[in-house]
Protein backbone atom coordinates (compact mmCIF):
# COMPACT_ATOMS: atom_id res chain seq x y z
CA MET A 1 0.00 0.00 0.00
CA SER A 2 1.26 3.44 -0.91
CA HIS A 3 1.90 6.12 1.68
CA LEU A 4 0.95 8.85 -0.79
CA PHE A 5 -2.40 10.60 -0.37
CA VAL A 6 -4.36 13.30 -2.13
CA VAL A 7 -5.42 15.79 0.58
CA ASN A 8 -9.01 17.04 0.48
CA VAL A 9 -10.49 19.78 2.70
CA GLU A 10 -14.18 20.41 3.40
CA ALA A 11 -16.19 23.05 5.24
CA ALA A 12 -19.23 22.37 7.39
CA ILE A 13 -20.75 25.84 7.03
CA VAL A 14 -23.43 26.51 9.62
CA ARG A 15 -26.12 29.18 9.90
CA GLY A 16 -28.13 28.74 13.10
CA GLN A 17 -29.20 25.09 12.98
CA GLU A 18 -28.74 24.75 9.21
CA PHE A 19 -25.78 23.42 7.25
CA LEU A 20 -24.86 24.34 3.72
CA ILE A 21 -24.99 21.24 1.54
CA ILE A 22 -24.05 20.95 -2.12
CA LYS A 23 -25.03 18.39 -4.71
CA ARG A 24 -21.96 17.37 -6.68
CA ALA A 25 -22.22 17.58 -10.48
CA GLU A 26 -23.20 14.29 -12.11
CA LYS A 27 -19.97 14.23 -14.14
CA GLU A 28 -17.72 14.43 -11.07
CA VAL A 29 -15.51 11.32 -10.95
CA HIS A 30 -15.85 10.83 -7.18
CA ALA A 31 -19.39 10.86 -5.74
CA GLY A 32 -20.97 12.48 -8.80
CA GLY A 33 -24.60 13.48 -8.17
CA LEU A 34 -24.34 13.00 -4.39
CA TYR A 35 -24.79 15.51 -1.58
CA SER A 36 -21.75 16.63 0.40
CA LEU A 37 -20.08 19.48 2.21
CA VAL A 38 -18.22 22.07 0.13
CA GLY A 39 -14.53 21.48 -0.48
CA GLY A 40 -11.87 20.03 -2.69
CA LYS A 41 -8.26 19.12 -3.24
CA MET A 42 -5.36 20.96 -1.68
CA ASP A 43 -3.09 23.21 -3.70
CA PHE A 44 0.60 23.25 -2.82
CA ASP A 45 1.86 26.42 -1.11
CA ALA A 46 5.29 26.20 0.50
CA SER A 47 4.97 29.70 1.99
CA SER A 48 1.73 29.09 3.90
CA LEU A 49 1.61 28.53 7.65
CA GLN A 50 -2.12 27.67 7.50
CA VAL A 51 -2.30 25.69 4.31
CA LEU A 52 -5.36 23.61 5.28
CA GLU A 53 -7.42 26.63 6.34
CA GLU A 54 -6.36 28.71 3.32
CA ASN A 55 -7.25 25.88 0.96
CA VAL A 56 -10.70 25.28 2.42
CA LYS A 57 -11.40 29.03 2.17
CA ARG A 58 -10.23 29.02 -1.46
CA GLU A 59 -12.33 25.98 -2.38
CA VAL A 60 -15.49 27.45 -0.83
CA ALA A 61 -14.97 30.78 -2.59
CA GLU A 62 -14.34 29.07 -5.94
CA GLU A 63 -17.31 26.71 -5.73
CA ILE A 64 -20.08 28.75 -4.05
CA GLY A 65 -18.84 32.36 -3.85
CA VAL A 66 -18.75 32.55 -0.05
CA ALA A 67 -15.85 33.99 1.97
CA LEU A 68 -15.10 32.03 5.16
CA HIS A 69 -13.63 33.88 8.14
CA ASP A 70 -11.60 32.74 11.12
CA PRO A 71 -11.87 30.97 13.36
CA LEU A 72 -12.33 27.69 11.55
CA THR A 73 -12.75 24.74 13.92
CA TYR A 74 -11.17 21.39 13.12
CA ILE A 75 -13.88 18.71 13.23
CA HIS A 76 -12.32 15.46 12.03
CA SER A 77 -10.26 13.67 9.42
CA ASN A 78 -10.78 10.41 7.60
CA THR A 79 -9.41 8.47 4.67
CA PHE A 80 -11.14 6.92 1.68
CA LYS A 81 -10.32 5.65 -1.78
CA ALA A 82 -11.43 7.34 -4.99
CA GLY A 83 -10.72 4.58 -7.48
CA ASP A 84 -7.11 3.64 -6.79
CA THR A 85 -6.28 7.00 -5.19
CA GLN A 86 -5.96 7.23 -1.40
CA VAL A 87 -7.53 10.42 -0.05
CA LEU A 88 -7.02 12.12 3.31
CA ASN A 89 -10.10 14.24 4.03
CA ILE A 90 -10.08 17.03 6.64
CA VAL A 91 -13.28 18.78 7.76
CA PHE A 92 -13.53 22.24 9.34
CA LEU A 93 -16.55 23.96 10.88
CA SER A 94 -17.25 27.53 9.80
CA GLU A 95 -19.71 29.78 11.63
CA HIS A 96 -18.42 33.05 10.17
CA PHE A 97 -18.79 33.89 6.49
CA ASN A 98 -19.83 36.58 4.03
CA GLY A 99 -21.81 36.24 0.84
CA LEU A 100 -24.83 34.40 -0.44
CA PRO A 101 -24.00 30.88 -1.62
CA TYR A 102 -24.73 30.08 -5.25
CA VAL A 103 -23.62 27.54 -7.84
CA LYS A 104 -20.46 29.31 -8.99
CA SER A 105 -18.57 26.28 -10.30
CA LYS A 106 -21.14 24.47 -12.46
CA GLU A 107 -18.53 21.92 -13.51
CA GLU A 108 -18.21 20.76 -9.89
CA ILE A 109 -21.61 21.33 -8.27
CA SER A 110 -25.23 21.40 -9.43
CA GLU A 111 -27.10 22.59 -6.34
CA VAL A 112 -26.57 24.57 -3.12
CA THR A 113 -29.05 24.29 -0.26
CA TRP A 114 -29.39 24.95 3.47
CA MET A 115 -30.65 21.97 5.49
CA ASP A 116 -31.41 21.58 9.18
CA GLY A 117 -28.76 19.41 10.84
CA GLN A 118 -31.30 16.88 12.13
CA GLU A 119 -32.93 16.72 8.68
CA ILE A 120 -29.53 15.84 7.19
CA LEU A 121 -28.98 13.08 9.75
CA GLN A 122 -32.40 11.56 8.98
CA SER A 123 -32.27 11.96 5.20
CA SER A 124 -32.13 8.91 2.95
CA VAL A 125 -30.42 10.88 0.15
CA ILE A 126 -27.46 12.22 2.15
CA PRO A 127 -24.42 9.86 2.10
CA THR A 128 -23.16 8.43 5.38
CA TRP A 129 -19.82 10.29 5.19
CA THR A 130 -21.63 13.64 4.95
CA LYS A 131 -23.94 12.68 7.83
CA ASN A 132 -20.89 11.74 9.94
CA SER A 133 -19.28 15.15 9.34
CA VAL A 134 -22.52 16.97 10.16
CA GLU A 135 -23.09 14.89 13.31
CA LEU A 136 -19.58 15.64 14.57
CA SER A 137 -20.08 19.33 13.71
CA ILE A 138 -23.35 19.39 15.70
CA ARG A 139 -21.52 17.87 18.70
CA SER A 140 -18.79 20.50 18.43
CA LEU A 141 -21.37 23.30 18.24
CA LYS A 142 -23.21 21.98 21.30
CA GLN A 143 -19.96 21.86 23.27
CA LYS A 144 -19.02 25.38 22.17
CA ARG A 145 -22.46 26.68 23.08
CA GLY A 146 -22.41 24.90 26.47
CA LEU A 147 -25.33 22.60 25.63
CA GLU A 148 -23.46 19.36 26.22
CA GLN A 149 -20.81 18.38 28.72
């Protein structure tokens, strides 16, 4: 097994109790036509001291026209395979942003929608990996807001 990975970053963007969910374009090689968080592959930047955060901000701006602001909260990381490619996926929570989300990158996404967190968790059309990221984001929000010990 190779030790080389493609690095992917995603943003769980939250507004109140709602999360921003995208539907990936049908022609996307990995998970085409499925619902997910916004994100994408890392770009190399040897001068950056916050390369993960800068890349998730760039991906969100490119795909849905929204500017994320600090602080971003690390939620979790996982690995998966896209064909023969090993992918390391890193998810951040964003509560601070500017702009109205829209389908900016039609080659990559076909729909942008806000969904209640509990609705996402109960949905039959949302993939398990997206539900897992939303569930962990909800837990983080509850801890931050003092609703759960």
